[in-house]
Amino acid sequence: MKKSIFSFLLLLLASQIHAQVGYWIIPPHYDSIYFATGANLIITDSLDQKIVWTLEGKRLFKTADDLHPFSDGLAVATKKESDEIIGFYSTNGAFTPIENCKVANDYPFYVDGYMAVKRNNKYFFVDTKGKLNERGIIKAYPFHNGYALCIDYKNPEKPRDAYNFLINKDKERIVFTYNGRNISPDDVEFISSMNDEGLCIVVARHLVYYFVGEGQELRPVFARPEEPDLKRQAKLKGRVAECLTSLDNANYTLIANCGKTDQISIRFDSRLVPLEFWCNADRQSYRTNITTRETPNSPITTSKKDGRYDLSLDGIQILPEQFEAIYDRFGENAFVKLSGKQGLIRVSKEKFQLTINNDQEIGFRHKTFETTIRLKMPHFIPIDNTMIEMADSNFECEIDPTTRMAKKTQSGNFIEYHCNLTIPQNLSDEITEFDHPYLYPFQIYSDGIKFPIYYAKVKAWYVKHFIINIVESETKIVKQGSISFTLDINDQKAIDDKFDYHKIAKIVPDTLDYDYKKISDTRYEFQVENLNYGINDLTIEVMEEGCPPSTFDMRINYAKPSPKTRNKEKVEVKKKSKEEIEEPVFKL
């Protein structure tokens, strides 16, 4: 009969008590993983194969071609180490082919819905449907801030008299006006691309102007804008070809005079976008809009131990030290390196639950107890690749891996094993509390991820199944101070127990000289010597091998002979009553 419940305390570090989980969004199979440039996507790269993913780990497409950064929501693909364009991908993974086109101006990007390309030594604009404009021209520069610089022959049928013009996103040619009068295309000698300040440079009849895209107006360029004297408007000394020079780094500089004392120079990049304005030795840089990725604040932190990194969420360790590197973090996600490969992991506040014996109390009857261990995981954890092991071989719980069962349900997934628990040596049938209880530490692995060691919470007691009885007819005095008595030791095992477990019986503490012999499986004969006349207390221990002992308090009343009455020595062996057990002990 169960006397009490022994409660094992759940003794965990703060980093373990929450029993939360981590799982792969993108498995660690790749040589590198990083954010895509220009889009909220992720790229993995291995063996010259790029895979593009969503932030949630959905695979969009795979390519062995050179994939350029996203711009306008599109990423252009070119043949490896070639300028031949094969098409472009959208941020949803859709692919649009482009045939017989090459990269123009070293700029394979869409801007304002168009990309400049080369085909058969002519330039075209291709739209976001992959369609090219009807006719090629001599030169086309990429769109910038709504405008694109073009160069073509006045008469396409006659390859001479090339001229510059500017088009908008509707591919309409811009007519330049100044002071309400149109400027003839024949008078326009130079046009640059538009920069991020919405300015491009126009030279007409050697005079230098800003074309302001927002109002589509021309403004004279002065060395000192605070002194707008038209006599000091920037003016080329000669033809554009003489005043526009190419630098070693493929940039260009246009030089002009402002009156008799000042000289300006305007520097452009290889796509003729204005970068800097110099007046004599003073430099002014035009504004450049640089788009940078803003990584959201992440509650994930990490620390390093023995060359490995852990992952914590809101200050609570979710996954112990195991990662070789931690890269970018966003939200509850992190780029990590594990076993030499990189992937995207997510830590979650969702919890797992591990139970032994279906979370029911365990009554140990013998050294081992056969039961089950079950691990319940959130539904998004891949249970097929999840396993449980003992974290410490000193704790005796034998898990049978061949009995593993996995099941997926709507409320969650679980795995279950058969296991044998070994009884703690200090387990009793009395209410007992331990500062350092005997716990079963389990190590959980899921898809190669190691979780913190988890100590299962268990309630258990020792079912002491021995009963002893004294065979009064076999109690006798052997000689003065020496008696023998027989005990019946019955084993109240369950009916289905198939084994007769080995028992050990002895007297404790060992203050009396004694000997015993086993008469049968249930009978033991004890011989006790050096008894004192009067009361002799002793304790009998009966122990199944590997289990805590069952103790029985005994009393021997040994009466010496009385010469007056001629009574002989008498002896009585009995089990102590509850009152006798609890009576105080007086020492002289």
Protein backbone atom coordinates (compact mmCIF):
# COMPACT_ATOMS: atom_id res chain seq x y z
CA MET A 1 0.00 0.00 0.00
CA LYS A 2 1.31 3.41 -0.88
CA LYS A 3 2.19 5.43 2.21
CA SER A 4 3.28 8.71 0.67
CA ILE A 5 4.45 10.45 -2.50
CA PHE A 6 8.05 11.37 -3.07
CA SER A 7 8.25 14.53 -5.20
CA PHE A 8 11.25 15.15 -7.37
CA LEU A 9 11.87 18.88 -7.62
CA LEU A 10 12.44 20.46 -11.01
CA LEU A 11 15.89 21.93 -10.55
CA LEU A 12 16.77 23.97 -13.62
CA LEU A 13 18.90 26.95 -14.51
CA ALA A 14 17.07 30.07 -15.60
CA SER A 15 18.23 29.42 -19.15
CA GLN A 16 16.55 26.01 -19.19
CA ILE A 17 13.34 26.38 -17.28
CA HIS A 18 11.36 27.79 -20.18
CA ALA A 19 11.97 24.76 -22.41
CA GLN A 20 11.50 26.78 -25.59
CA VAL A 21 12.49 25.71 -29.08
CA GLY A 22 14.58 26.58 -32.11
CA TYR A 23 14.08 25.30 -35.65
CA TRP A 24 15.40 25.80 -39.15
CA ILE A 25 13.74 28.23 -41.52
CA ILE A 26 16.47 27.46 -44.06
CA PRO A 27 18.50 24.30 -43.28
CA PRO A 28 22.29 24.64 -42.85
CA HIS A 29 23.35 23.17 -46.17
CA TYR A 30 25.05 26.19 -47.76
CA ASP A 31 28.48 27.79 -47.99
CA SER A 32 27.05 31.27 -47.43
CA ILE A 33 23.77 32.96 -46.59
CA TYR A 34 23.02 36.67 -46.80
CA PHE A 35 20.33 39.26 -47.46
CA ALA A 36 19.56 40.02 -51.08
CA THR A 37 20.49 43.56 -52.09
CA GLY A 38 17.46 45.65 -53.00
CA ALA A 39 14.76 43.24 -51.77
CA ASN A 40 13.54 41.64 -48.54
CA LEU A 41 14.79 38.25 -49.61
CA ILE A 42 17.57 35.87 -48.64
CA ILE A 43 20.18 34.25 -50.88
CA THR A 44 22.10 31.05 -50.19
CA ASP A 45 25.12 30.12 -52.25
CA SER A 46 26.87 26.77 -52.62
CA LEU A 47 28.89 25.26 -55.45
CA ASP A 48 28.05 28.26 -57.67
CA GLN A 49 24.34 27.62 -57.21
CA LYS A 50 22.29 30.49 -55.78
CA ILE A 51 18.88 29.93 -54.20
CA VAL A 52 16.59 32.85 -53.40
CA TRP A 53 14.22 32.54 -50.42
CA THR A 54 11.59 34.61 -48.68
CA LEU A 55 12.24 35.72 -45.11
CA GLU A 56 9.91 32.90 -44.03
CA GLY A 57 12.08 30.29 -45.74
CA LYS A 58 9.97 29.74 -48.87
CA ARG A 59 12.18 28.75 -51.76
CA LEU A 60 11.57 30.97 -54.80
CA PHE A 61 14.10 29.97 -57.44
CA LYS A 62 17.53 28.51 -58.06
CA THR A 63 20.09 29.63 -60.61
CA ALA A 64 23.68 28.93 -61.61
CA ASP A 65 23.85 32.20 -63.57
CA ASP A 66 25.20 35.49 -62.25
CA LEU A 67 22.37 37.14 -60.34
CA HIS A 68 22.61 40.91 -59.96
CA PRO A 69 21.08 42.90 -57.10
CA PHE A 70 17.36 43.64 -57.14
CA SER A 71 16.27 47.04 -58.39
CA ASP A 72 12.67 48.07 -58.97
CA GLY A 73 11.74 44.64 -57.62
CA LEU A 74 13.63 42.81 -60.38
CA ALA A 75 16.99 41.03 -60.48
CA VAL A 76 18.73 40.59 -63.81
CA ALA A 77 20.48 37.30 -64.57
CA THR A 78 23.44 37.06 -66.94
CA LYS A 79 25.39 34.06 -68.12
CA LYS A 80 28.24 33.28 -65.78
CA GLU A 81 31.21 35.61 -66.28
CA SER A 82 29.50 37.07 -69.33
CA ASP A 83 27.56 40.24 -70.23
CA GLU A 84 24.88 38.21 -72.03
CA ILE A 85 21.50 38.76 -70.38
CA ILE A 86 19.23 35.72 -70.10
CA GLY A 87 16.31 37.42 -68.31
CA PHE A 88 15.19 38.71 -64.94
CA TYR A 89 13.47 37.44 -61.79
CA SER A 90 10.79 39.22 -59.81
CA THR A 91 10.60 39.15 -56.02
CA ASN A 92 7.93 36.42 -56.22
CA GLY A 93 10.30 34.15 -58.16
CA ALA A 94 8.74 34.59 -61.61
CA PHE A 95 11.23 34.56 -64.49
CA THR A 96 11.00 36.60 -67.69
CA PRO A 97 13.45 35.70 -70.48
CA ILE A 98 15.25 38.28 -72.59
CA GLU A 99 16.80 37.09 -75.81
CA ASN A 100 19.87 38.32 -77.71
CA CYS A 101 20.66 41.20 -75.35
CA LYS A 102 23.80 42.26 -73.52
CA VAL A 103 24.53 44.50 -70.57
CA ALA A 104 24.76 48.19 -71.48
CA ASN A 105 26.89 50.69 -69.58
CA ASP A 106 27.97 48.03 -67.11
CA TYR A 107 24.55 48.52 -65.51
CA PRO A 108 22.27 45.42 -65.55
CA PHE A 109 19.52 47.00 -63.45
CA TYR A 110 15.97 48.18 -63.86
CA VAL A 111 15.28 51.80 -62.93
CA ASP A 112 11.95 53.56 -63.39
CA GLY A 113 10.57 50.46 -65.11
CA TYR A 114 13.24 50.16 -67.82
CA MET A 115 16.69 48.69 -68.40
CA ALA A 116 19.06 49.85 -71.10
CA VAL A 117 20.48 46.91 -73.11
CA LYS A 118 22.60 46.31 -76.20
CA ARG A 119 21.60 44.23 -79.19
CA ASN A 120 23.54 44.08 -82.45
CA ASN A 121 25.61 47.17 -81.50
CA LYS A 122 22.52 49.24 -80.83
CA TYR A 123 20.88 50.27 -77.60
CA PHE A 124 17.34 49.54 -76.54
CA PHE A 125 15.13 49.93 -73.49
CA VAL A 126 13.44 46.77 -72.26
CA ASP A 127 10.38 47.10 -70.01
CA THR A 128 9.29 44.96 -67.05
CA LYS A 129 7.47 42.57 -69.38
CA GLY A 130 10.66 41.83 -71.28
CA LYS A 131 9.57 43.84 -74.33
CA LEU A 132 12.09 46.04 -76.19
CA ASN A 133 11.24 49.39 -77.79
CA GLU A 134 10.73 49.27 -81.52
CA ARG A 135 13.99 50.85 -82.73
CA GLY A 136 17.54 50.84 -81.50
CA ILE A 137 19.64 53.97 -81.10
CA ILE A 138 23.35 54.81 -81.00
CA LYS A 139 23.59 55.09 -77.23
CA ALA A 140 21.23 54.87 -74.27
CA TYR A 141 22.09 55.48 -70.64
CA PRO A 142 20.11 54.08 -67.71
CA PHE A 143 17.15 55.93 -66.31
CA HIS A 144 17.85 58.03 -63.23
CA ASN A 145 15.10 59.80 -61.34
CA GLY A 146 12.63 59.61 -64.20
CA TYR A 147 14.87 60.57 -67.11
CA ALA A 148 17.30 58.84 -69.46
CA LEU A 149 19.99 60.28 -71.73
CA CYS A 150 19.93 59.07 -75.32
CA ILE A 151 22.09 59.68 -78.41
CA ASP A 152 20.93 59.03 -81.96
CA TYR A 153 21.24 60.19 -85.55
CA LYS A 154 18.96 62.91 -86.73
CA ASN A 155 18.05 60.69 -89.62
CA PRO A 156 18.28 57.01 -88.63
CA GLU A 157 18.71 56.09 -92.27
CA LYS A 158 21.86 58.23 -92.51
CA PRO A 159 24.51 57.51 -89.84
CA ARG A 160 25.74 61.07 -89.33
CA ASP A 161 24.88 64.17 -87.35
CA ALA A 162 24.39 62.50 -83.98
CA TYR A 163 22.61 64.51 -81.29
CA ASN A 164 21.67 64.17 -77.62
CA PHE A 165 18.18 64.12 -76.20
CA LEU A 166 16.51 63.35 -72.88
CA ILE A 167 13.42 61.16 -72.49
CA ASN A 168 11.00 60.68 -69.60
CA LYS A 169 9.46 57.44 -68.33
CA ASP A 170 6.85 57.64 -71.08
CA LYS A 171 9.77 57.70 -73.54
CA GLU A 172 8.78 61.20 -74.65
CA ARG A 173 11.56 63.57 -75.71
CA ILE A 174 12.06 66.61 -73.52
CA VAL A 175 11.99 70.03 -75.17
CA PHE A 176 14.28 72.42 -73.30
CA THR A 177 13.04 75.94 -72.72
CA TYR A 178 14.66 79.01 -71.25
CA ASN A 179 12.89 82.28 -70.52
CA GLY A 180 9.82 80.94 -72.29
CA ARG A 181 11.61 80.10 -75.50
CA ASN A 182 12.34 76.61 -76.83
CA ILE A 183 15.95 75.69 -77.42
CA SER A 184 16.51 74.06 -80.75
CA PRO A 185 17.88 70.49 -80.60
CA ASP A 186 20.58 71.65 -83.02
CA ASP A 187 21.85 74.05 -80.34
CA VAL A 188 22.10 71.34 -77.62
CA GLU A 189 25.72 70.18 -77.47
CA PHE A 190 25.73 68.04 -74.32
CA ILE A 191 23.29 66.45 -71.91
CA SER A 192 24.17 64.43 -68.83
CA SER A 193 22.11 61.88 -66.92
CA MET A 194 19.92 63.03 -64.02
CA ASN A 195 21.43 62.80 -60.52
CA ASP A 196 19.77 62.20 -57.16
CA GLU A 197 19.26 65.93 -56.63
CA GLY A 198 17.06 65.95 -59.74
CA LEU A 199 19.64 67.86 -61.78
CA CYS A 200 21.30 67.15 -65.11
CA ILE A 201 23.77 69.28 -67.04
CA VAL A 202 22.80 70.74 -70.41
CA VAL A 203 25.17 72.67 -72.68
CA ALA A 204 23.52 74.79 -75.38
CA ARG A 205 25.58 77.18 -77.54
CA HIS A 206 28.52 76.62 -75.18
CA LEU A 207 26.48 77.89 -72.19
CA VAL A 208 26.11 75.54 -69.24
CA TYR A 209 22.67 75.00 -67.63
CA TYR A 210 21.08 72.86 -64.96
CA PHE A 211 17.97 71.05 -66.12
CA VAL A 212 15.72 70.70 -63.07
CA GLY A 213 13.62 67.59 -63.50
CA GLU A 214 10.88 68.59 -61.09
CA GLY A 215 9.88 71.76 -63.00
CA GLN A 216 11.48 70.86 -66.33
CA GLU A 217 13.28 74.18 -66.48
CA LEU A 218 16.78 75.32 -67.36
CA ARG A 219 18.82 77.36 -64.88
CA PRO A 220 22.19 78.94 -65.71
CA VAL A 221 25.20 77.55 -63.89
CA PHE A 222 27.34 80.10 -62.03
CA ALA A 223 30.62 79.74 -60.18
CA ARG A 224 28.97 81.62 -57.33
CA PRO A 225 25.21 81.04 -57.33
CA GLU A 226 24.78 83.91 -54.86
CA GLU A 227 26.00 86.28 -57.63
CA PRO A 228 23.73 85.39 -60.59
CA ASP A 229 25.25 87.58 -63.29
CA LEU A 230 24.48 86.24 -66.76
CA LYS A 231 27.78 87.65 -67.94
CA ARG A 232 29.45 85.19 -65.58
CA GLN A 233 27.38 82.11 -66.64
CA ALA A 234 29.56 79.04 -67.11
CA LYS A 235 30.65 78.77 -70.74
CA LEU A 236 32.80 76.28 -72.61
CA LYS A 237 35.93 77.59 -74.25
CA GLY A 238 35.40 75.40 -77.26
CA ARG A 239 33.53 72.35 -78.46
CA VAL A 240 32.30 69.75 -75.92
CA ALA A 241 34.81 67.23 -77.25
CA GLU A 242 37.59 69.62 -76.23
CA CYS A 243 36.17 70.40 -72.77
CA LEU A 244 34.98 66.94 -71.72
CA THR A 245 37.77 64.64 -70.66
CA SER A 246 37.72 61.00 -69.57
CA LEU A 247 39.58 60.06 -66.40
CA ASP A 248 41.44 56.85 -65.68
CA ASN A 249 38.63 55.53 -63.50
CA ALA A 250 36.12 55.87 -66.36
CA ASN A 251 34.66 59.07 -64.92
CA TYR A 252 34.37 62.30 -66.89
CA THR A 253 35.06 65.97 -66.22
CA LEU A 254 33.50 68.95 -68.03
CA ILE A 255 35.44 72.23 -67.69
CA ALA A 256 33.97 75.71 -68.24
CA ASN A 257 34.88 79.33 -67.47
CA CYS A 258 32.79 81.77 -65.48
CA GLY A 259 33.89 85.25 -66.44
CA LYS A 260 37.58 86.03 -66.57
CA THR A 261 38.64 84.77 -63.13
CA ASP A 262 36.67 81.67 -62.22
CA GLN A 263 36.74 78.20 -63.63
CA ILE A 264 34.37 75.35 -62.81
CA SER A 265 34.56 71.65 -63.44
CA ILE A 266 31.72 69.15 -63.14
CA ARG A 267 32.61 65.52 -62.62
CA PHE A 268 30.42 62.64 -63.80
CA ASP A 269 30.50 58.90 -63.34
CA SER A 270 30.71 56.44 -66.23
CA ARG A 271 26.94 56.79 -66.80
CA LEU A 272 27.31 60.60 -66.97
CA VAL A 273 25.57 61.17 -63.64
CA PRO A 274 26.81 64.47 -62.08
CA LEU A 275 28.79 63.73 -58.90
CA GLU A 276 30.83 66.83 -57.96
CA PHE A 277 30.97 70.55 -58.68
CA TRP A 278 34.32 72.28 -58.41
CA CYS A 279 34.82 76.04 -58.40
CA ASN A 280 38.52 76.73 -58.66
CA ALA A 281 39.82 74.61 -55.73
CA ASP A 282 36.53 74.38 -53.81
CA ARG A 283 34.56 71.14 -54.09
CA GLN A 284 30.88 70.50 -53.57
CA SER A 285 29.42 67.01 -53.86
CA TYR A 286 25.95 66.49 -55.19
CA ARG A 287 23.64 64.51 -52.96
CA THR A 288 23.63 60.77 -53.58
CA ASN A 289 20.76 58.70 -52.30
CA ILE A 290 22.20 55.51 -50.84
CA THR A 291 19.71 52.82 -49.99
CA THR A 292 20.78 50.77 -47.01
CA ARG A 293 19.05 47.82 -45.46
CA GLU A 294 17.53 48.59 -42.11
CA THR A 295 17.75 45.43 -40.06
CA PRO A 296 14.90 45.42 -37.52
CA ASN A 297 15.80 45.30 -33.87
CA SER A 298 16.14 41.72 -32.76
CA PRO A 299 15.55 40.35 -29.25
CA ILE A 300 18.17 37.68 -30.00
CA THR A 301 21.48 37.89 -28.18
CA THR A 302 24.44 35.54 -28.21
CA SER A 303 27.41 34.64 -26.04
CA LYS A 304 30.48 32.53 -26.68
CA LYS A 305 31.88 29.62 -24.70
CA ASP A 306 34.65 27.22 -25.72
CA GLY A 307 34.60 28.66 -29.24
CA ARG A 308 30.86 28.12 -29.75
CA TYR A 309 27.90 30.49 -29.66
CA ASP A 310 24.49 30.16 -28.06
CA LEU A 311 21.20 31.91 -28.84
CA SER A 312 19.11 33.70 -26.25
CA LEU A 313 15.72 35.35 -26.67
CA ASP A 314 14.83 38.28 -24.42
CA GLY A 315 17.73 37.31 -22.17
CA ILE A 316 16.72 33.65 -21.82
CA GLN A 317 18.97 31.00 -23.36
CA ILE A 318 16.97 28.99 -25.88
CA LEU A 319 19.77 27.00 -27.52
CA PRO A 320 23.09 26.20 -25.81
CA GLU A 321 26.56 26.84 -27.25
CA GLN A 322 26.86 24.89 -30.52
CA PHE A 323 27.13 27.34 -33.43
CA GLU A 324 30.47 28.17 -35.05
CA ALA A 325 29.30 31.67 -36.07
CA ILE A 326 26.30 33.97 -35.75
CA TYR A 327 25.76 36.47 -38.57
CA ASP A 328 22.88 38.88 -39.13
CA ARG A 329 19.85 38.73 -36.84
CA PHE A 330 16.36 40.02 -37.57
CA GLY A 331 13.26 39.51 -35.50
CA GLU A 332 13.52 36.05 -33.93
CA ASN A 333 15.77 34.80 -36.76
CA ALA A 334 19.53 34.50 -37.15
CA PHE A 335 21.98 33.47 -39.84
CA VAL A 336 24.17 30.80 -38.22
CA LYS A 337 26.94 28.38 -39.07
CA LEU A 338 26.70 24.80 -37.86
CA SER A 339 29.01 21.92 -38.84
CA GLY A 340 30.68 24.09 -41.46
CA LYS A 341 27.46 25.07 -43.26
CA GLN A 342 25.18 28.08 -43.00
CA GLY A 343 21.44 28.42 -42.61
CA LEU A 344 18.64 30.48 -41.08
CA ILE A 345 17.37 29.49 -37.64
CA ARG A 346 14.38 30.79 -35.70
CA VAL A 347 14.03 30.77 -31.94
CA SER A 348 10.50 30.66 -30.64
CA LYS A 349 8.66 31.22 -27.37
CA GLU A 350 6.62 28.13 -28.14
CA LYS A 351 7.42 25.43 -25.58
CA PHE A 352 7.93 21.70 -25.68
CA GLN A 353 6.82 19.29 -22.98
CA LEU A 354 8.59 16.15 -21.84
CA THR A 355 6.80 13.68 -19.57
CA ILE A 356 7.66 10.31 -18.03
CA ASN A 357 5.02 7.67 -17.33
CA ASN A 358 2.36 9.92 -18.91
CA ASP A 359 3.01 12.36 -16.04
CA GLN A 360 1.59 9.84 -13.56
CA GLU A 361 3.17 8.95 -10.22
CA ILE A 362 5.66 6.10 -10.31
CA GLY A 363 5.63 3.35 -7.72
CA PHE A 364 8.96 1.54 -7.83
CA ARG A 365 8.52 -2.08 -6.72
CA HIS A 366 11.92 -3.28 -7.87
CA LYS A 367 15.22 -1.92 -9.11
CA THR A 368 13.79 -0.84 -12.46
CA PHE A 369 10.50 0.48 -13.64
CA GLU A 370 9.43 0.01 -17.26
CA THR A 371 7.48 2.94 -18.66
CA THR A 372 7.41 5.45 -21.53
CA ILE A 373 8.90 8.87 -22.13
CA ARG A 374 7.02 11.29 -24.38
CA LEU A 375 8.18 14.54 -25.95
CA LYS A 376 5.48 16.85 -27.28
CA MET A 377 6.64 19.52 -29.72
CA PRO A 378 4.90 22.45 -31.47
CA HIS A 379 3.40 21.44 -34.80
CA PHE A 380 6.09 23.25 -36.82
CA ILE A 381 8.96 21.18 -35.41
CA PRO A 382 9.99 18.33 -37.79
CA ILE A 383 9.31 15.46 -35.43
CA ASP A 384 10.71 12.85 -37.84
CA ASN A 385 14.20 14.25 -37.18
CA THR A 386 13.79 14.68 -33.42
CA MET A 387 15.30 12.33 -30.86
CA ILE A 388 15.92 12.00 -27.12
CA GLU A 389 19.09 10.79 -25.39
CA MET A 390 20.31 10.67 -21.82
CA ALA A 391 22.50 13.69 -21.13
CA ASP A 392 24.48 12.00 -18.35
CA SER A 393 25.36 8.31 -18.19
CA ASN A 394 25.50 8.50 -14.39
CA PHE A 395 21.72 8.82 -14.31
CA GLU A 396 20.17 5.46 -15.01
CA CYS A 397 17.41 5.70 -17.51
CA GLU A 398 17.77 3.29 -20.38
CA ILE A 399 15.95 4.45 -23.49
CA ASP A 400 15.20 1.80 -26.11
CA PRO A 401 15.71 3.55 -29.48
CA THR A 402 14.04 0.69 -31.37
CA THR A 403 10.70 1.52 -29.73
CA ARG A 404 10.60 5.10 -31.05
CA MET A 405 7.16 6.16 -32.21
CA ALA A 406 6.38 9.50 -33.86
CA LYS A 407 2.98 11.03 -34.48
CA LYS A 408 1.75 14.31 -35.93
CA THR A 409 -1.45 15.90 -34.63
CA GLN A 410 -3.21 19.23 -35.12
CA SER A 411 -2.35 20.34 -31.61
CA GLY A 412 1.30 19.30 -31.88
CA ASN A 413 3.72 16.53 -32.73
CA PHE A 414 5.17 13.98 -30.34
CA ILE A 415 7.65 11.15 -30.10
CA GLU A 416 7.58 8.36 -27.55
CA TYR A 417 10.08 5.75 -26.37
CA HIS A 418 9.96 2.81 -24.01
CA CYS A 419 12.46 3.20 -21.20
CA ASN A 420 13.60 1.60 -17.95
CA LEU A 421 14.13 3.81 -14.92
CA THR A 422 16.48 2.75 -12.14
CA ILE A 423 15.25 3.39 -8.61
CA PRO A 424 17.05 6.14 -6.68
CA GLN A 425 18.94 4.75 -3.71
CA ASN A 426 17.46 7.31 -1.33
CA LEU A 427 13.88 6.76 -2.39
CA SER A 428 11.57 5.76 0.47
CA ASP A 429 7.89 5.38 1.19
CA GLU A 430 7.98 8.31 3.57
CA ILE A 431 7.49 11.94 2.54
CA THR A 432 10.96 13.08 1.64
CA GLU A 433 12.28 16.31 0.14
CA PHE A 434 15.73 16.62 -1.38
CA ASP A 435 17.77 19.75 -2.00
CA HIS A 436 19.55 17.89 -4.80
CA PRO A 437 17.02 15.38 -6.01
CA TYR A 438 17.67 12.47 -8.28
CA LEU A 439 16.52 13.76 -11.66
CA TYR A 440 16.61 12.24 -15.14
CA PRO A 441 18.49 14.65 -17.49
CA PHE A 442 17.53 14.36 -21.13
CA GLN A 443 19.25 15.79 -24.20
CA ILE A 444 16.92 16.62 -27.07
CA TYR A 445 18.07 16.96 -30.67
CA SER A 446 15.84 18.20 -33.47
CA ASP A 447 17.07 18.41 -37.04
CA GLY A 448 20.65 18.66 -35.79
CA ILE A 449 19.83 21.41 -33.25
CA LYS A 450 20.81 20.68 -29.66
CA PHE A 451 18.35 21.90 -27.04
CA PRO A 452 19.34 22.68 -23.44
CA ILE A 453 19.48 19.70 -21.09
CA TYR A 454 15.99 19.14 -19.71
CA TYR A 455 15.35 17.58 -16.33
CA ALA A 456 12.04 15.73 -16.31
CA LYS A 457 9.78 16.37 -13.35
CA VAL A 458 8.81 13.09 -11.69
CA LYS A 459 6.77 11.99 -8.67
CA ALA A 460 7.68 8.59 -7.27
CA TRP A 461 7.84 6.41 -4.18
CA TYR A 462 9.21 3.00 -3.21
CA VAL A 463 6.56 0.34 -2.81
CA LYS A 464 8.08 -1.78 -0.02
CA HIS A 465 6.63 -5.16 -0.68
CA PHE A 466 8.25 -7.27 2.05
CA ILE A 467 6.33 -8.51 5.09
CA ILE A 468 8.03 -10.37 7.96
CA ASN A 469 6.50 -12.65 10.57
CA ILE A 470 8.17 -14.38 13.52
CA VAL A 471 7.72 -18.13 13.78
CA GLU A 472 7.17 -18.26 17.55
CA SER A 473 7.41 -22.06 17.77
CA GLU A 474 10.98 -21.89 16.46
CA THR A 475 12.30 -19.30 18.89
CA LYS A 476 14.66 -20.91 21.41
CA ILE A 477 17.58 -20.30 23.76
CA VAL A 478 20.73 -21.92 22.46
CA LYS A 479 22.85 -21.14 25.49
CA GLN A 480 23.14 -18.37 27.99
CA GLY A 481 23.06 -15.06 26.12
CA SER A 482 22.46 -16.76 22.81
CA ILE A 483 19.13 -17.38 21.06
CA SER A 484 17.82 -18.33 17.65
CA PHE A 485 14.62 -17.35 15.91
CA THR A 486 13.06 -17.82 12.49
CA LEU A 487 11.57 -15.15 10.25
CA ASP A 488 9.08 -15.64 7.47
CA ILE A 489 9.91 -13.01 4.79
CA ASN A 490 7.11 -12.80 2.29
CA ASP A 491 7.46 -10.90 -0.97
CA GLN A 492 4.18 -9.20 -1.88
CA LYS A 493 5.07 -8.84 -5.53
CA ALA A 494 2.55 -8.22 -8.24
CA ILE A 495 0.92 -11.30 -9.68
CA ASP A 496 2.54 -10.85 -13.07
CA ASP A 497 6.08 -10.65 -11.65
CA LYS A 498 8.00 -13.50 -13.24
CA PHE A 499 11.21 -13.39 -11.25
CA ASP A 500 12.13 -14.17 -7.69
CA TYR A 501 14.34 -11.18 -6.92
CA HIS A 502 17.36 -11.83 -4.76
CA LYS A 503 16.85 -10.68 -1.15
CA ILE A 504 19.39 -9.79 1.51
CA ALA A 505 18.45 -9.83 5.19
CA LYS A 506 20.65 -8.53 8.01
CA ILE A 507 20.61 -6.95 11.44
CA VAL A 508 21.52 -3.26 11.73
CA PRO A 509 23.20 -1.56 13.35
CA ASP A 510 25.78 -4.28 13.73
CA THR A 511 26.06 -4.09 17.55
CA LEU A 512 25.08 -7.69 18.18
CA ASP A 513 26.93 -10.77 17.11
CA TYR A 514 24.67 -12.70 14.81
CA ASP A 515 24.60 -15.23 12.08
CA TYR A 516 21.86 -16.39 9.79
CA LYS A 517 21.12 -18.96 7.19
CA LYS A 518 18.54 -19.23 4.47
CA ILE A 519 16.21 -22.12 5.09
CA SER A 520 14.00 -21.54 2.07
CA ASP A 521 13.05 -18.75 -0.30
CA THR A 522 10.93 -17.21 2.44
CA ARG A 523 12.50 -18.45 5.70
CA TYR A 524 15.64 -17.17 7.40
CA GLU A 525 17.04 -18.45 10.72
CA PHE A 526 18.93 -15.92 12.86
CA GLN A 527 21.17 -16.71 15.80
CA VAL A 528 21.97 -13.78 18.09
CA GLU A 529 24.65 -13.90 20.78
CA ASN A 530 25.86 -11.79 23.71
CA LEU A 531 22.36 -10.68 24.61
CA ASN A 532 21.85 -8.67 27.76
CA TYR A 533 19.14 -9.66 30.16
CA GLY A 534 16.17 -7.41 29.69
CA ILE A 535 15.32 -5.51 26.50
CA ASN A 536 17.48 -5.85 23.41
CA ASP A 537 16.42 -3.76 20.42
CA LEU A 538 17.54 -4.52 16.90
CA THR A 539 16.52 -3.72 13.34
CA ILE A 540 16.12 -6.20 10.54
CA GLU A 541 16.85 -4.95 7.02
CA VAL A 542 15.45 -6.78 4.02
CA MET A 543 16.72 -5.51 0.73
CA GLU A 544 16.19 -6.45 -2.84
CA GLU A 545 19.42 -6.09 -4.75
CA GLY A 546 19.77 -2.55 -6.09
CA CYS A 547 16.85 -1.16 -4.05
CA PRO A 548 16.62 0.82 -0.83
CA PRO A 549 16.18 -1.43 2.23
CA SER A 550 12.92 -2.21 4.01
CA THR A 551 13.53 -1.91 7.75
CA PHE A 552 11.67 -3.62 10.58
CA ASP A 553 12.16 -2.66 14.23
CA MET A 554 12.40 -5.74 16.51
CA ARG A 555 12.65 -6.28 20.26
CA ILE A 556 14.08 -9.26 22.18
CA ASN A 557 12.92 -9.61 25.76
CA TYR A 558 15.48 -11.87 27.44
CA ALA A 559 14.64 -12.85 31.04
CA LYS A 560 17.30 -14.40 33.28
CA PRO A 561 16.45 -17.46 35.48
CA SER A 562 14.98 -17.01 38.98
CA PRO A 563 16.48 -19.40 41.62
CA LYS A 564 13.62 -18.80 44.03
CA THR A 565 10.94 -19.88 41.57
CA ARG A 566 13.24 -22.21 39.68
CA ASN A 567 12.12 -20.49 36.46
CA LYS A 568 14.41 -20.98 33.54
CA GLU A 569 15.60 -18.33 31.13
CA LYS A 570 12.89 -16.97 28.92
CA VAL A 571 13.04 -15.17 25.57
CA GLU A 572 10.45 -13.36 23.46
CA VAL A 573 11.10 -12.02 19.96
CA LYS A 574 8.52 -9.63 18.53
CA LYS A 575 8.03 -6.69 16.15
CA LYS A 576 7.94 -3.40 17.98
CA SER A 577 4.61 -1.63 18.17
CA LYS A 578 4.20 1.94 16.89
CA GLU A 579 4.26 3.20 20.48
CA GLU A 580 7.44 1.31 21.23
CA ILE A 581 9.08 2.67 18.11
CA GLU A 582 8.20 6.23 19.05
CA GLU A 583 9.05 5.93 22.78
CA PRO A 584 12.03 8.06 23.90
CA VAL A 585 15.35 6.42 24.50
CA PHE A 586 17.02 7.05 27.86
CA LYS A 587 20.71 6.59 28.28
CA LEU A 588 22.45 6.21 31.65
